[in-house]
Amino acid sequence: MTQKVALITGSSRGIGKATALKLAQAGYDIVINYARSKKSALETAEEIEALGRKVLIVKANVGDVQKIKDMFVQIDEEFGRLDVFVNNAASGVQRPIMEIEEAHWDWTLNINSKALLFCGQEAAKLMERNNGGKIVSISSLGAIRYLKNYTTVGVSKAALEALTRYLAVELAPKNIIVNAVSGGAVDTEALQHFPNREQILQEAKAKTPAGKMVEIDDMVNCVMFLLSDESSMIRGQTIIVDGGISLLV
């Protein structure tokens, strides 16, 4: 089997869906992962199949290690290989720090951080069969700077970026390249859950040195670069795509 395969978690909508479509256009068969949005996952699959590519849809909460293992068993049975893993699925509770409960912490860290470790392990097992592969995670500026009500997500993304560095070193002998892309505010469905969404959007539009907000395609283009052969010597890095807003005090 020589047809390359890509898994994108949380790929029923937003950045994940756009990445899945771009990879399908580039010739990859696609594994769509979702947790709740079955209708959206099916719609995404139809778009990918219209491009002439095969699709496997897997419902799995990537915060659950057993669900992760079950998902990779399905990928192995369907395709027998994996070449690209885009760790995009994310969730989190948006609350002031004094209102965070243990369940909020565990939920967010499991989906945003633990998933990369255990998906990365399973992905590596499939990738090394075909002389390597590439892993790219989606992070955010909250990993390196304060954002209101963003404690659990920010900490989970900081862990994701640290784990990106560790995976990059330890998976390098298997010819597996690991990086991350961190975005500024992007007006996706996920942002609708932020209690201060309008403030975030207004500030991003007004303050971004580039003169406009980051768009989904900006993120996807960077992901695709990191998945290309041209970026093969970039390892364990988090590339910031924010129009320069993180450069401001």
Protein backbone atom coordinates (compact mmCIF):
# COMPACT_ATOMS: atom_id res chain seq x y z
CA MET A 1 0.00 0.00 0.00
CA THR A 2 1.56 3.25 -1.13
CA GLN A 3 -1.34 5.73 -0.82
CA LYS A 4 -0.47 8.18 1.96
CA VAL A 5 -2.87 8.65 4.87
CA ALA A 6 -3.45 11.60 7.20
CA LEU A 7 -5.30 11.74 10.51
CA ILE A 8 -6.66 15.09 11.64
CA THR A 9 -8.31 15.12 15.06
CA GLY A 10 -11.27 17.44 15.54
CA SER A 11 -11.65 17.62 11.77
CA SER A 12 -15.40 18.01 11.39
CA ARG A 13 -15.15 21.81 11.33
CA GLY A 14 -12.90 24.86 11.63
CA ILE A 15 -9.14 24.59 11.22
CA GLY A 16 -9.31 20.79 11.37
CA LYS A 17 -11.78 20.55 8.50
CA ALA A 18 -9.85 23.04 6.37
CA THR A 19 -6.65 21.07 6.98
CA ALA A 20 -8.34 17.78 6.07
CA LEU A 21 -9.60 19.25 2.80
CA LYS A 22 -6.20 20.71 1.95
CA LEU A 23 -4.50 17.36 2.60
CA ALA A 24 -7.11 15.59 0.48
CA GLN A 25 -6.38 18.05 -2.33
CA ALA A 26 -2.70 17.16 -1.90
CA GLY A 27 -3.53 13.49 -2.49
CA TYR A 28 -3.88 12.03 1.01
CA ASP A 29 -6.59 9.64 2.10
CA ILE A 30 -8.12 11.09 5.25
CA VAL A 31 -9.10 9.95 8.73
CA ILE A 32 -11.70 12.33 10.17
CA ASN A 33 -11.97 12.33 13.94
CA TYR A 34 -14.81 13.93 15.85
CA ALA A 35 -16.34 13.76 19.33
CA ARG A 36 -19.82 15.25 18.96
CA SER A 37 -20.46 16.71 15.50
CA LYS A 38 -21.43 13.61 13.49
CA LYS A 39 -23.40 15.62 10.93
CA SER A 40 -20.45 17.93 10.31
CA ALA A 41 -18.09 14.95 10.08
CA LEU A 42 -20.29 13.34 7.44
CA GLU A 43 -20.48 16.58 5.48
CA THR A 44 -16.69 16.91 5.58
CA ALA A 45 -16.33 13.31 4.42
CA GLU A 46 -18.57 14.01 1.43
CA GLU A 47 -16.39 16.95 0.41
CA ILE A 48 -13.26 14.81 0.67
CA GLU A 49 -14.78 11.94 -1.30
CA ALA A 50 -15.76 14.45 -3.99
CA LEU A 51 -12.03 15.09 -4.38
CA GLY A 52 -11.52 11.40 -5.14
CA ARG A 53 -9.99 10.44 -1.81
CA LYS A 54 -10.93 7.71 0.65
CA VAL A 55 -12.26 8.68 4.08
CA LEU A 56 -12.52 6.92 7.43
CA ILE A 57 -14.68 8.61 10.08
CA VAL A 58 -13.88 7.79 13.70
CA LYS A 59 -15.82 9.07 16.68
CA ALA A 60 -13.44 9.30 19.63
CA ASN A 61 -12.84 11.55 22.59
CA VAL A 62 -9.08 11.94 22.38
CA GLY A 63 -8.92 12.72 26.09
CA ASP A 64 -9.57 9.02 26.70
CA VAL A 65 -6.53 6.79 26.11
CA GLN A 66 -8.59 3.67 25.38
CA LYS A 67 -10.61 5.60 22.78
CA ILE A 68 -7.32 6.71 21.22
CA LYS A 69 -6.06 3.13 20.99
CA ASP A 70 -9.36 1.97 19.50
CA MET A 71 -9.16 4.74 16.89
CA PHE A 72 -5.69 3.68 15.78
CA VAL A 73 -6.79 0.05 15.53
CA GLN A 74 -9.47 1.21 13.08
CA ILE A 75 -6.90 3.23 11.12
CA ASP A 76 -4.59 0.21 10.93
CA GLU A 77 -7.42 -2.08 9.81
CA GLU A 78 -8.66 0.36 7.16
CA PHE A 79 -5.39 1.70 5.74
CA GLY A 80 -2.52 -0.22 7.31
CA ARG A 81 -0.42 2.92 7.56
CA LEU A 82 -0.28 6.56 8.71
CA ASP A 83 1.94 9.28 7.28
CA VAL A 84 0.60 12.49 8.83
CA PHE A 85 -1.00 13.26 12.19
CA VAL A 86 -2.43 16.74 12.76
CA ASN A 87 -3.25 17.11 16.45
CA ASN A 88 -6.02 19.69 16.20
CA ALA A 89 -8.82 18.62 18.57
CA ALA A 90 -9.17 21.01 21.50
CA SER A 91 -11.56 21.88 24.29
CA GLY A 92 -11.51 23.84 27.50
CA VAL A 93 -13.39 25.63 30.25
CA GLN A 94 -13.25 29.43 30.09
CA ARG A 95 -13.40 30.73 33.67
CA PRO A 96 -11.52 33.03 36.06
CA ILE A 97 -8.82 31.16 37.92
CA MET A 98 -10.71 31.19 41.25
CA GLU A 99 -13.67 29.42 39.63
CA ILE A 100 -11.74 26.53 38.09
CA GLU A 101 -12.70 23.11 39.42
CA GLU A 102 -10.78 19.85 39.22
CA ALA A 103 -13.12 18.50 36.54
CA HIS A 104 -12.46 21.59 34.38
CA TRP A 105 -8.70 21.07 34.72
CA ASP A 106 -8.78 17.35 33.96
CA TRP A 107 -11.09 17.72 30.96
CA THR A 108 -8.98 20.44 29.34
CA LEU A 109 -5.56 18.91 30.02
CA ASN A 110 -6.69 15.49 28.84
CA ILE A 111 -7.97 16.68 25.45
CA ASN A 112 -5.40 19.39 24.78
CA SER A 113 -2.23 17.79 26.20
CA LYS A 114 -2.54 14.13 27.09
CA ALA A 115 -4.01 13.41 23.66
CA LEU A 116 -0.81 14.50 21.92
CA LEU A 117 1.31 12.10 23.97
CA PHE A 118 -0.83 9.03 23.50
CA CYS A 119 -1.94 9.78 19.93
CA GLY A 120 1.71 10.49 19.18
CA GLN A 121 2.74 7.08 20.53
CA GLU A 122 0.18 5.25 18.42
CA ALA A 123 0.89 7.37 15.34
CA ALA A 124 4.61 6.63 15.63
CA LYS A 125 3.96 2.88 15.63
CA LEU A 126 2.22 3.15 12.26
CA MET A 127 4.55 5.78 10.80
CA GLU A 128 7.75 3.83 11.39
CA ARG A 129 6.45 1.01 9.18
CA ASN A 130 6.86 3.33 6.20
CA ASN A 131 10.10 5.05 7.15
CA GLY A 132 8.63 7.95 9.11
CA GLY A 133 6.02 10.64 9.07
CA LYS A 134 5.07 14.07 10.35
CA ILE A 135 3.16 15.35 13.36
CA VAL A 136 1.87 18.92 13.70
CA SER A 137 -0.15 20.24 16.64
CA ILE A 138 -2.29 23.34 16.89
CA SER A 139 -1.46 25.63 19.81
CA SER A 140 -2.39 29.20 20.74
CA LEU A 141 -0.84 32.37 22.14
CA GLY A 142 -2.31 31.58 25.56
CA ALA A 143 0.57 29.13 25.96
CA ILE A 144 3.05 31.99 26.31
CA ARG A 145 1.03 35.01 27.45
CA TYR A 146 -1.88 35.85 29.70
CA LEU A 147 -5.36 35.76 28.18
CA LYS A 148 -8.45 36.46 30.26
CA ASN A 149 -10.38 33.35 31.41
CA TYR A 150 -7.88 31.16 29.57
CA THR A 151 -6.02 29.48 32.44
CA THR A 152 -6.83 25.83 31.76
CA VAL A 153 -6.44 26.11 28.00
CA GLY A 154 -3.30 28.23 28.22
CA VAL A 155 -1.60 25.79 30.56
CA SER A 156 -2.67 22.83 28.42
CA LYS A 157 -1.26 24.48 25.29
CA ALA A 158 2.01 25.25 27.08
CA ALA A 159 2.24 21.55 27.92
CA LEU A 160 1.49 20.72 24.28
CA GLU A 161 4.35 22.93 23.11
CA ALA A 162 6.76 21.36 25.62
CA LEU A 163 5.66 17.89 24.57
CA THR A 164 6.25 18.87 20.94
CA ARG A 165 9.91 19.42 21.80
CA TYR A 166 10.26 16.09 23.62
CA LEU A 167 8.51 14.12 20.89
CA ALA A 168 10.65 15.82 18.22
CA VAL A 169 13.85 14.56 19.86
CA GLU A 170 12.72 11.06 20.78
CA LEU A 171 10.91 10.31 17.53
CA ALA A 172 13.67 11.71 15.29
CA PRO A 173 15.47 8.32 15.04
CA LYS A 174 12.23 6.95 13.55
CA ASN A 175 12.32 9.74 10.93
CA ILE A 176 9.23 11.33 12.46
CA ILE A 177 9.20 15.14 12.39
CA VAL A 178 7.22 16.94 15.09
CA ASN A 179 6.25 20.63 15.25
CA ALA A 180 3.40 22.92 16.24
CA VAL A 181 1.60 25.99 14.92
CA SER A 182 0.37 28.64 17.34
CA GLY A 183 -2.32 31.01 16.16
CA GLY A 184 -3.58 34.40 17.18
CA ALA A 185 -7.32 34.91 17.48
CA VAL A 186 -9.13 33.14 14.63
CA ASP A 187 -12.88 33.57 14.30
CA THR A 188 -13.89 29.89 14.31
CA GLU A 189 -16.82 28.15 15.97
CA ALA A 190 -14.60 27.44 18.97
CA LEU A 191 -14.24 31.15 19.66
CA GLN A 192 -18.00 31.42 20.10
CA HIS A 193 -17.61 29.68 23.47
CA PHE A 194 -15.41 32.47 24.83
CA PRO A 195 -17.37 34.77 27.18
CA ASN A 196 -15.28 37.73 25.94
CA ARG A 197 -15.38 36.78 22.24
CA GLU A 198 -16.35 40.24 20.96
CA GLN A 199 -13.55 41.90 22.94
CA ILE A 200 -11.02 39.40 21.57
CA LEU A 201 -12.15 40.02 17.99
CA GLN A 202 -12.16 43.80 18.36
CA GLU A 203 -8.67 43.86 19.87
CA ALA A 204 -7.31 41.49 17.24
CA LYS A 205 -8.68 43.62 14.42
CA ALA A 206 -7.46 46.87 15.93
CA LYS A 207 -4.02 45.86 17.23
CA THR A 208 -2.62 43.27 14.82
CA PRO A 209 0.38 44.88 13.05
CA ALA A 210 -0.50 43.06 9.84
CA GLY A 211 -3.69 45.12 9.74
CA LYS A 212 -6.08 42.19 9.79
CA MET A 213 -6.99 39.14 11.83
CA VAL A 214 -5.51 35.72 11.30
CA GLU A 215 -7.75 33.57 9.09
CA ILE A 216 -8.18 29.81 9.01
CA ASP A 217 -6.22 29.58 5.74
CA ASP A 218 -3.24 31.32 7.36
CA MET A 219 -3.06 28.53 9.93
CA VAL A 220 -3.60 25.77 7.39
CA ASN A 221 -0.91 27.13 5.07
CA CYS A 222 1.63 26.99 7.89
CA VAL A 223 0.56 23.46 8.79
CA MET A 224 1.00 22.39 5.18
CA PHE A 225 4.47 23.94 5.07
CA LEU A 226 5.49 21.96 8.16
CA LEU A 227 4.14 18.81 6.52
CA SER A 228 6.17 19.43 3.37
CA ASP A 229 9.69 18.22 2.56
CA GLU A 230 10.88 21.84 2.47
CA SER A 231 10.60 22.09 6.27
CA SER A 232 12.36 18.82 7.14
CA MET A 233 15.05 20.52 9.25
CA ILE A 234 12.52 22.34 11.43
CA ARG A 235 12.11 20.14 14.51
CA GLY A 236 10.31 20.64 17.80
CA GLN A 237 9.38 24.23 17.01
CA THR A 238 6.18 26.19 17.56
CA ILE A 239 5.64 28.56 14.64
CA ILE A 240 3.55 31.59 15.61
CA VAL A 241 0.99 32.78 13.05
CA ASP A 242 -0.54 35.92 14.52
CA GLY A 243 0.14 38.84 12.20
CA GLY A 244 2.68 40.13 14.74
CA ILE A 245 0.32 40.81 17.66
CA SER A 246 2.45 38.82 20.11
CA LEU A 247 5.32 41.24 19.46
CA LEU A 248 3.41 44.02 21.21
CA VAL A 249 3.61 44.67 24.96
